[in-house]
Amino acid sequence: MHSTYERLRSRWAAERQPDQAVWLGLLDALDQLPADARLAVLLSDVFETSIDVVASLLNRDTEACRRLVDDAHARIHAHAAMRK
């Protein structure tokens, strides 16, 4: 069984549209993150969940969760820079 990510990646790769390349890059970058970092980024950035709530969900203190998100952002940006 293929994951949603794999189905999207296959479909977007076949279409080769510029906007799909952006989404593929983001999906690839997210896929490279550890699961807790990926969850923290998605909850805080996409779903606008407060860092305190994210920290509670991940059983971390707020400052550690903030560092996790900051590190994930840096890794996503580095991944984007490598794709240029």
PDB file of N, CA and C in Angstrom:
ATOM      1  N   MET A   1       0.840  -1.176   0.000  1.00  0.00           N
ATOM      2  CA  MET A   1       0.000   0.000   0.000  1.00  0.00           C
ATOM      3  C   MET A   1       0.886   1.240   0.000  1.00  0.00           C
ATOM      4  N   HIS A   2       0.526   2.212  -0.816  1.00  0.00           N
ATOM      5  CA  HIS A   2       1.294   3.449  -0.903  1.00  0.00           C
ATOM      6  C   HIS A   2       0.714   4.499   0.025  1.00  0.00           C
ATOM      7  N   SER A   3       1.596   5.270   0.616  1.00  0.00           N
ATOM      8  CA  SER A   3       1.157   6.351   1.488  1.00  0.00           C
ATOM      9  C   SER A   3       0.606   7.496   0.641  1.00  0.00           C
ATOM     10  N   THR A   4      -0.096   8.390   1.288  1.00  0.00           N
ATOM     11  CA  THR A   4      -0.607   9.580   0.591  1.00  0.00           C
ATOM     12  C   THR A   4       0.552  10.356  -0.003  1.00  0.00           C
ATOM     13  N   TYR A   5       1.634  10.470   0.755  1.00  0.00           N
ATOM     14  CA  TYR A   5       2.830  11.156   0.268  1.00  0.00           C
ATOM     15  C   TYR A   5       3.333  10.521  -1.025  1.00  0.00           C
ATOM     16  N   GLU A   6       3.442   9.205  -1.047  1.00  0.00           N
ATOM     17  CA  GLU A   6       3.949   8.522  -2.236  1.00  0.00           C
ATOM     18  C   GLU A   6       3.028   8.717  -3.434  1.00  0.00           C
ATOM     19  N   ARG A   7       1.713   8.688  -3.199  1.00  0.00           N
ATOM     20  CA  ARG A   7       0.755   8.910  -4.300  1.00  0.00           C
ATOM     21  C   ARG A   7       0.866  10.334  -4.839  1.00  0.00           C
ATOM     22  N   LEU A   8       0.936  11.317  -3.938  1.00  0.00           N
ATOM     23  CA  LEU A   8       1.076  12.703  -4.380  1.00  0.00           C
ATOM     24  C   LEU A   8       2.389  12.911  -5.127  1.00  0.00           C
ATOM     25  N   ARG A   9       3.453  12.357  -4.570  1.00  0.00           N
ATOM     26  CA  ARG A   9       4.760  12.518  -5.188  1.00  0.00           C
ATOM     27  C   ARG A   9       4.768  11.941  -6.593  1.00  0.00           C
ATOM     28  N   SER A  10       4.201  10.761  -6.778  1.00  0.00           N
ATOM     29  CA  SER A  10       4.162  10.130  -8.098  1.00  0.00           C
ATOM     30  C   SER A  10       3.345  10.967  -9.079  1.00  0.00           C
ATOM     31  N   ARG A  11       2.191  11.425  -8.629  1.00  0.00           N
ATOM     32  CA  ARG A  11       1.320  12.206  -9.507  1.00  0.00           C
ATOM     33  C   ARG A  11       1.973  13.534  -9.868  1.00  0.00           C
ATOM     34  N   TRP A  12       2.518  14.253  -8.882  1.00  0.00           N
ATOM     35  CA  TRP A  12       3.115  15.554  -9.150  1.00  0.00           C
ATOM     36  C   TRP A  12       4.384  15.433  -9.973  1.00  0.00           C
ATOM     37  N   ALA A  13       5.151  14.386  -9.746  1.00  0.00           N
ATOM     38  CA  ALA A  13       6.379  14.193 -10.521  1.00  0.00           C
ATOM     39  C   ALA A  13       6.041  13.960 -11.989  1.00  0.00           C
ATOM     40  N   ALA A  14       4.949  13.245 -12.234  1.00  0.00           N
ATOM     41  CA  ALA A  14       4.538  12.966 -13.604  1.00  0.00           C
ATOM     42  C   ALA A  14       4.048  14.228 -14.317  1.00  0.00           C
ATOM     43  N   GLU A  15       3.408  15.127 -13.573  1.00  0.00           N
ATOM     44  CA  GLU A  15       2.857  16.344 -14.171  1.00  0.00           C
ATOM     45  C   GLU A  15       3.933  17.378 -14.474  1.00  0.00           C
ATOM     46  N   ARG A  16       4.983  17.407 -13.680  1.00  0.00           N
ATOM     47  CA  ARG A  16       6.133  18.307 -13.874  1.00  0.00           C
ATOM     48  C   ARG A  16       5.732  19.773 -14.040  1.00  0.00           C
ATOM     49  N   GLN A  17       4.874  20.238 -13.175  1.00  0.00           N
ATOM     50  CA  GLN A  17       4.479  21.643 -13.155  1.00  0.00           C
ATOM     51  C   GLN A  17       5.332  22.372 -12.118  1.00  0.00           C
ATOM     52  N   PRO A  18       5.662  23.638 -12.365  1.00  0.00           N
ATOM     53  CA  PRO A  18       6.512  24.374 -11.412  1.00  0.00           C
ATOM     54  C   PRO A  18       5.939  24.419  -9.992  1.00  0.00           C
ATOM     55  N   ASP A  19       4.630  24.611  -9.857  1.00  0.00           N
ATOM     56  CA  ASP A  19       4.068  24.689  -8.510  1.00  0.00           C
ATOM     57  C   ASP A  19       4.147  23.341  -7.794  1.00  0.00           C
ATOM     58  N   GLN A  20       4.045  22.248  -8.542  1.00  0.00           N
ATOM     59  CA  GLN A  20       4.190  20.939  -7.922  1.00  0.00           C
ATOM     60  C   GLN A  20       5.615  20.712  -7.439  1.00  0.00           C
ATOM     61  N   ALA A  21       6.581  21.301  -8.105  1.00  0.00           N
ATOM     62  CA  ALA A  21       7.975  21.159  -7.677  1.00  0.00           C
ATOM     63  C   ALA A  21       8.175  21.772  -6.298  1.00  0.00           C
ATOM     64  N   VAL A  22       7.486  22.873  -6.033  1.00  0.00           N
ATOM     65  CA  VAL A  22       7.580  23.501  -4.719  1.00  0.00           C
ATOM     66  C   VAL A  22       7.014  22.559  -3.661  1.00  0.00           C
ATOM     67  N   TRP A  23       5.829  22.008  -3.937  1.00  0.00           N
ATOM     68  CA  TRP A  23       5.213  21.086  -2.979  1.00  0.00           C
ATOM     69  C   TRP A  23       6.050  19.828  -2.799  1.00  0.00           C
ATOM     70  N   LEU A  24       6.610  19.318  -3.884  1.00  0.00           N
ATOM     71  CA  LEU A  24       7.474  18.138  -3.767  1.00  0.00           C
ATOM     72  C   LEU A  24       8.687  18.434  -2.893  1.00  0.00           C
ATOM     73  N   GLY A  25       9.259  19.612  -3.059  1.00  0.00           N
ATOM     74  CA  GLY A  25      10.396  19.992  -2.239  1.00  0.00           C
ATOM     75  C   GLY A  25      10.030  20.056  -0.763  1.00  0.00           C
ATOM     76  N   LEU A  26       8.867  20.636  -0.482  1.00  0.00           N
ATOM     77  CA  LEU A  26       8.421  20.710   0.910  1.00  0.00           C
ATOM     78  C   LEU A  26       8.146  19.318   1.469  1.00  0.00           C
ATOM     79  N   LEU A  27       7.462  18.486   0.696  1.00  0.00           N
ATOM     80  CA  LEU A  27       7.190  17.123   1.162  1.00  0.00           C
ATOM     81  C   LEU A  27       8.476  16.345   1.392  1.00  0.00           C
ATOM     82  N   ASP A  28       9.435  16.504   0.488  1.00  0.00           N
ATOM     83  CA  ASP A  28      10.729  15.827   0.663  1.00  0.00           C
ATOM     84  C   ASP A  28      11.430  16.307   1.928  1.00  0.00           C
ATOM     85  N   ALA A  29      11.403  17.627   2.156  1.00  0.00           N
ATOM     86  CA  ALA A  29      12.048  18.182   3.351  1.00  0.00           C
ATOM     87  C   ALA A  29      11.360  17.674   4.610  1.00  0.00           C
ATOM     88  N   LEU A  30      10.031  17.672   4.619  1.00  0.00           N
ATOM     89  CA  LEU A  30       9.298  17.165   5.780  1.00  0.00           C
ATOM     90  C   LEU A  30       9.577  15.684   6.010  1.00  0.00           C
ATOM     91  N   ASP A  31       9.700  14.948   4.928  1.00  0.00           N
ATOM     92  CA  ASP A  31       9.953  13.507   5.028  1.00  0.00           C
ATOM     93  C   ASP A  31      11.310  13.222   5.671  1.00  0.00           C
ATOM     94  N   GLN A  32      12.256  14.156   5.540  1.00  0.00           N
ATOM     95  CA  GLN A  32      13.590  13.964   6.102  1.00  0.00           C
ATOM     96  C   GLN A  32      13.656  14.264   7.603  1.00  0.00           C
ATOM     97  N   LEU A  33      12.625  14.910   8.119  1.00  0.00           N
ATOM     98  CA  LEU A  33      12.614  15.264   9.541  1.00  0.00           C
ATOM     99  C   LEU A  33      12.226  14.082  10.409  1.00  0.00           C
ATOM    100  N   PRO A  34      12.730  14.042  11.626  1.00  0.00           N
ATOM    101  CA  PRO A  34      12.226  13.041  12.576  1.00  0.00           C
ATOM    102  C   PRO A  34      10.728  13.286  12.806  1.00  0.00           C
ATOM    103  N   ALA A  35      10.016  12.246  13.158  1.00  0.00           N
ATOM    104  CA  ALA A  35       8.561  12.336  13.295  1.00  0.00           C
ATOM    105  C   ALA A  35       8.126  13.423  14.270  1.00  0.00           C
ATOM    106  N   ASP A  36       8.808  13.561  15.403  1.00  0.00           N
ATOM    107  CA  ASP A  36       8.395  14.577  16.377  1.00  0.00           C
ATOM    108  C   ASP A  36       8.604  15.987  15.840  1.00  0.00           C
ATOM    109  N   ALA A  37       9.676  16.205  15.101  1.00  0.00           N
ATOM    110  CA  ALA A  37       9.930  17.519  14.516  1.00  0.00           C
ATOM    111  C   ALA A  37       8.908  17.830  13.427  1.00  0.00           C
ATOM    112  N   ARG A  38       8.609  16.836  12.604  1.00  0.00           N
ATOM    113  CA  ARG A  38       7.610  17.015  11.545  1.00  0.00           C
ATOM    114  C   ARG A  38       6.256  17.380  12.148  1.00  0.00           C
ATOM    115  N   LEU A  39       5.855  16.664  13.190  1.00  0.00           N
ATOM    116  CA  LEU A  39       4.589  16.938  13.857  1.00  0.00           C
ATOM    117  C   LEU A  39       4.588  18.331  14.479  1.00  0.00           C
ATOM    118  N   ALA A  40       5.664  18.697  15.128  1.00  0.00           N
ATOM    119  CA  ALA A  40       5.752  20.003  15.767  1.00  0.00           C
ATOM    120  C   ALA A  40       5.637  21.124  14.737  1.00  0.00           C
ATOM    121  N   VAL A  41       6.318  20.987  13.609  1.00  0.00           N
ATOM    122  CA  VAL A  41       6.260  22.007  12.557  1.00  0.00           C
ATOM    123  C   VAL A  41       4.863  22.098  11.971  1.00  0.00           C
ATOM    124  N   LEU A  42       4.278  20.978  11.653  1.00  0.00           N
ATOM    125  CA  LEU A  42       2.936  21.006  11.053  1.00  0.00           C
ATOM    126  C   LEU A  42       1.908  21.577  12.015  1.00  0.00           C
ATOM    127  N   LEU A  43       1.965  21.154  13.262  1.00  0.00           N
ATOM    128  CA  LEU A  43       0.999  21.685  14.231  1.00  0.00           C
ATOM    129  C   LEU A  43       1.185  23.183  14.445  1.00  0.00           C
ATOM    130  N   SER A  44       2.422  23.619  14.614  1.00  0.00           N
ATOM    131  CA  SER A  44       2.644  25.036  14.920  1.00  0.00           C
ATOM    132  C   SER A  44       2.491  25.931  13.691  1.00  0.00           C
ATOM    133  N   ASP A  45       2.993  25.510  12.554  1.00  0.00           N
ATOM    134  CA  ASP A  45       2.977  26.370  11.365  1.00  0.00           C
ATOM    135  C   ASP A  45       1.695  26.255  10.545  1.00  0.00           C
ATOM    136  N   VAL A  46       1.255  25.053  10.314  1.00  0.00           N
ATOM    137  CA  VAL A  46       0.089  24.853   9.445  1.00  0.00           C
ATOM    138  C   VAL A  46      -1.213  25.017  10.215  1.00  0.00           C
ATOM    139  N   PHE A  47      -1.275  24.414  11.385  1.00  0.00           N
ATOM    140  CA  PHE A  47      -2.514  24.446  12.160  1.00  0.00           C
ATOM    141  C   PHE A  47      -2.526  25.536  13.238  1.00  0.00           C
ATOM    142  N   GLU A  48      -1.446  26.338  13.271  1.00  0.00           N
ATOM    143  CA  GLU A  48      -1.333  27.469  14.187  1.00  0.00           C
ATOM    144  C   GLU A  48      -1.610  27.092  15.648  1.00  0.00           C
ATOM    145  N   THR A  49      -1.133  25.917  16.030  1.00  0.00           N
ATOM    146  CA  THR A  49      -1.242  25.457  17.410  1.00  0.00           C
ATOM    147  C   THR A  49      -0.143  26.137  18.220  1.00  0.00           C
ATOM    148  N   SER A  50      -0.495  26.611  19.391  1.00  0.00           N
ATOM    149  CA  SER A  50       0.517  27.296  20.210  1.00  0.00           C
ATOM    150  C   SER A  50       1.636  26.330  20.575  1.00  0.00           C
ATOM    151  N   ILE A  51       2.811  26.878  20.755  1.00  0.00           N
ATOM    152  CA  ILE A  51       3.977  26.058  21.085  1.00  0.00           C
ATOM    153  C   ILE A  51       3.783  25.365  22.430  1.00  0.00           C
ATOM    154  N   ASP A  52       3.044  25.980  23.338  1.00  0.00           N
ATOM    155  CA  ASP A  52       2.761  25.351  24.629  1.00  0.00           C
ATOM    156  C   ASP A  52       1.934  24.077  24.451  1.00  0.00           C
ATOM    157  N   VAL A  53       0.950  24.126  23.576  1.00  0.00           N
ATOM    158  CA  VAL A  53       0.107  22.956  23.323  1.00  0.00           C
ATOM    159  C   VAL A  53       0.912  21.880  22.614  1.00  0.00           C
ATOM    160  N   VAL A  54       1.705  22.275  21.625  1.00  0.00           N
ATOM    161  CA  VAL A  54       2.550  21.311  20.911  1.00  0.00           C
ATOM    162  C   VAL A  54       3.505  20.638  21.890  1.00  0.00           C
ATOM    163  N   ALA A  55       4.111  21.419  22.752  1.00  0.00           N
ATOM    164  CA  ALA A  55       5.036  20.865  23.755  1.00  0.00           C
ATOM    165  C   ALA A  55       4.324  19.852  24.638  1.00  0.00           C
ATOM    166  N   SER A  56       3.129  20.180  25.048  1.00  0.00           N
ATOM    167  CA  SER A  56       2.357  19.261  25.886  1.00  0.00           C
ATOM    168  C   SER A  56       2.055  17.958  25.153  1.00  0.00           C
ATOM    169  N   LEU A  57       1.677  18.074  23.897  1.00  0.00           N
ATOM    170  CA  LEU A  57       1.376  16.874  23.095  1.00  0.00           C
ATOM    171  C   LEU A  57       2.600  15.985  22.908  1.00  0.00           C
ATOM    172  N   LEU A  58       3.769  16.623  22.816  1.00  0.00           N
ATOM    173  CA  LEU A  58       5.015  15.880  22.598  1.00  0.00           C
ATOM    174  C   LEU A  58       5.738  15.527  23.897  1.00  0.00           C
ATOM    175  N   ASN A  59       5.114  15.869  25.022  1.00  0.00           N
ATOM    176  CA  ASN A  59       5.725  15.610  26.327  1.00  0.00           C
ATOM    177  C   ASN A  59       7.108  16.234  26.448  1.00  0.00           C
ATOM    178  N   ARG A  60       7.206  17.498  26.039  1.00  0.00           N
ATOM    179  CA  ARG A  60       8.455  18.258  26.133  1.00  0.00           C
ATOM    180  C   ARG A  60       8.162  19.564  26.834  1.00  0.00           C
ATOM    181  N   ASP A  61       9.205  20.183  27.357  1.00  0.00           N
ATOM    182  CA  ASP A  61       8.977  21.524  27.891  1.00  0.00           C
ATOM    183  C   ASP A  61       8.924  22.495  26.712  1.00  0.00           C
ATOM    184  N   THR A  62       8.351  23.648  26.960  1.00  0.00           N
ATOM    185  CA  THR A  62       8.101  24.613  25.889  1.00  0.00           C
ATOM    186  C   THR A  62       9.375  25.035  25.173  1.00  0.00           C
ATOM    187  N   GLU A  63      10.420  25.301  25.921  1.00  0.00           N
ATOM    188  CA  GLU A  63      11.673  25.751  25.303  1.00  0.00           C
ATOM    189  C   GLU A  63      12.284  24.663  24.424  1.00  0.00           C
ATOM    190  N   ALA A  64      12.243  23.420  24.872  1.00  0.00           N
ATOM    191  CA  ALA A  64      12.766  22.307  24.064  1.00  0.00           C
ATOM    192  C   ALA A  64      11.948  22.150  22.784  1.00  0.00           C
ATOM    193  N   CYS A  65      10.651  22.346  22.887  1.00  0.00           N
ATOM    194  CA  CYS A  65       9.791  22.239  21.706  1.00  0.00           C
ATOM    195  C   CYS A  65      10.080  23.382  20.730  1.00  0.00           C
ATOM    196  N   ARG A  66      10.301  24.565  21.259  1.00  0.00           N
ATOM    197  CA  ARG A  66      10.642  25.714  20.411  1.00  0.00           C
ATOM    198  C   ARG A  66      11.952  25.448  19.666  1.00  0.00           C
ATOM    199  N   ARG A  67      12.936  24.877  20.356  1.00  0.00           N
ATOM    200  CA  ARG A  67      14.207  24.525  19.706  1.00  0.00           C
ATOM    201  C   ARG A  67      13.992  23.456  18.632  1.00  0.00           C
ATOM    202  N   LEU A  68      13.110  22.500  18.911  1.00  0.00           N
ATOM    203  CA  LEU A  68      12.795  21.446  17.940  1.00  0.00           C
ATOM    204  C   LEU A  68      12.221  22.058  16.665  1.00  0.00           C
ATOM    205  N   VAL A  69      11.281  22.984  16.816  1.00  0.00           N
ATOM    206  CA  VAL A  69      10.676  23.648  15.661  1.00  0.00           C
ATOM    207  C   VAL A  69      11.708  24.501  14.935  1.00  0.00           C
ATOM    208  N   ASP A  70      12.510  25.241  15.665  1.00  0.00           N
ATOM    209  CA  ASP A  70      13.542  26.075  15.041  1.00  0.00           C
ATOM    210  C   ASP A  70      14.534  25.228  14.253  1.00  0.00           C
ATOM    211  N   ASP A  71      14.946  24.101  14.826  1.00  0.00           N
ATOM    212  CA  ASP A  71      15.863  23.194  14.133  1.00  0.00           C
ATOM    213  C   ASP A  71      15.202  22.624  12.874  1.00  0.00           C
ATOM    214  N   ALA A  72      13.944  22.269  12.984  1.00  0.00           N
ATOM    215  CA  ALA A  72      13.219  21.741  11.819  1.00  0.00           C
ATOM    216  C   ALA A  72      13.134  22.797  10.719  1.00  0.00           C
ATOM    217  N   HIS A  73      12.860  24.044  11.094  1.00  0.00           N
ATOM    218  CA  HIS A  73      12.830  25.127  10.105  1.00  0.00           C
ATOM    219  C   HIS A  73      14.187  25.247   9.410  1.00  0.00           C
ATOM    220  N   ALA A  74      15.245  25.196  10.183  1.00  0.00           N
ATOM    221  CA  ALA A  74      16.590  25.302   9.600  1.00  0.00           C
ATOM    222  C   ALA A  74      16.853  24.154   8.630  1.00  0.00           C
ATOM    223  N   ARG A  75      16.426  22.963   8.990  1.00  0.00           N
ATOM    224  CA  ARG A  75      16.635  21.801   8.112  1.00  0.00           C
ATOM    225  C   ARG A  75      15.812  21.921   6.836  1.00  0.00           C
ATOM    226  N   ILE A  76      14.592  22.448   6.951  1.00  0.00           N
ATOM    227  CA  ILE A  76      13.747  22.650   5.762  1.00  0.00           C
ATOM    228  C   ILE A  76      14.383  23.691   4.841  1.00  0.00           C
ATOM    229  N   HIS A  77      14.875  24.788   5.419  1.00  0.00           N
ATOM    230  CA  HIS A  77      15.531  25.823   4.617  1.00  0.00           C
ATOM    231  C   HIS A  77      16.805  25.288   3.958  1.00  0.00           C
ATOM    232  N   ALA A  78      17.569  24.495   4.672  1.00  0.00           N
ATOM    233  CA  ALA A  78      18.785  23.911   4.110  1.00  0.00           C
ATOM    234  C   ALA A  78      18.440  22.971   2.955  1.00  0.00           C
ATOM    235  N   HIS A  79      17.379  22.229   3.117  1.00  0.00           N
ATOM    236  CA  HIS A  79      16.953  21.325   2.049  1.00  0.00           C
ATOM    237  C   HIS A  79      16.563  22.120   0.808  1.00  0.00           C
ATOM    238  N   ALA A  80      15.857  23.232   1.025  1.00  0.00           N
ATOM    239  CA  ALA A  80      15.461  24.082  -0.099  1.00  0.00           C
ATOM    240  C   ALA A  80      16.688  24.672  -0.802  1.00  0.00           C
ATOM    241  N   ALA A  81      17.672  25.073  -0.024  1.00  0.00           N
ATOM    242  CA  ALA A  81      18.882  25.660  -0.607  1.00  0.00           C
ATOM    243  C   ALA A  81      19.644  24.639  -1.449  1.00  0.00           C
ATOM    244  N   MET A  82      19.614  23.393  -1.042  1.00  0.00           N
ATOM    245  CA  MET A  82      20.310  22.340  -1.794  1.00  0.00           C
ATOM    246  C   MET A  82      19.609  22.059  -3.122  1.00  0.00           C
ATOM    247  N   ARG A  83      18.319  22.312  -3.210  1.00  0.00           N
ATOM    248  CA  ARG A  83      17.556  22.028  -4.424  1.00  0.00           C
ATOM    249  C   ARG A  83      17.724  23.095  -5.495  1.00  0.00           C
ATOM    250  N   LYS A  84      18.310  24.252  -5.126  1.00  0.00           N
ATOM    251  CA  LYS A  84      18.459  25.351  -6.106  1.00  0.00           C
ATOM    252  C   LYS A  84      19.535  25.046  -7.095  1.00  0.00           C
TER     253      LYS A  84
END
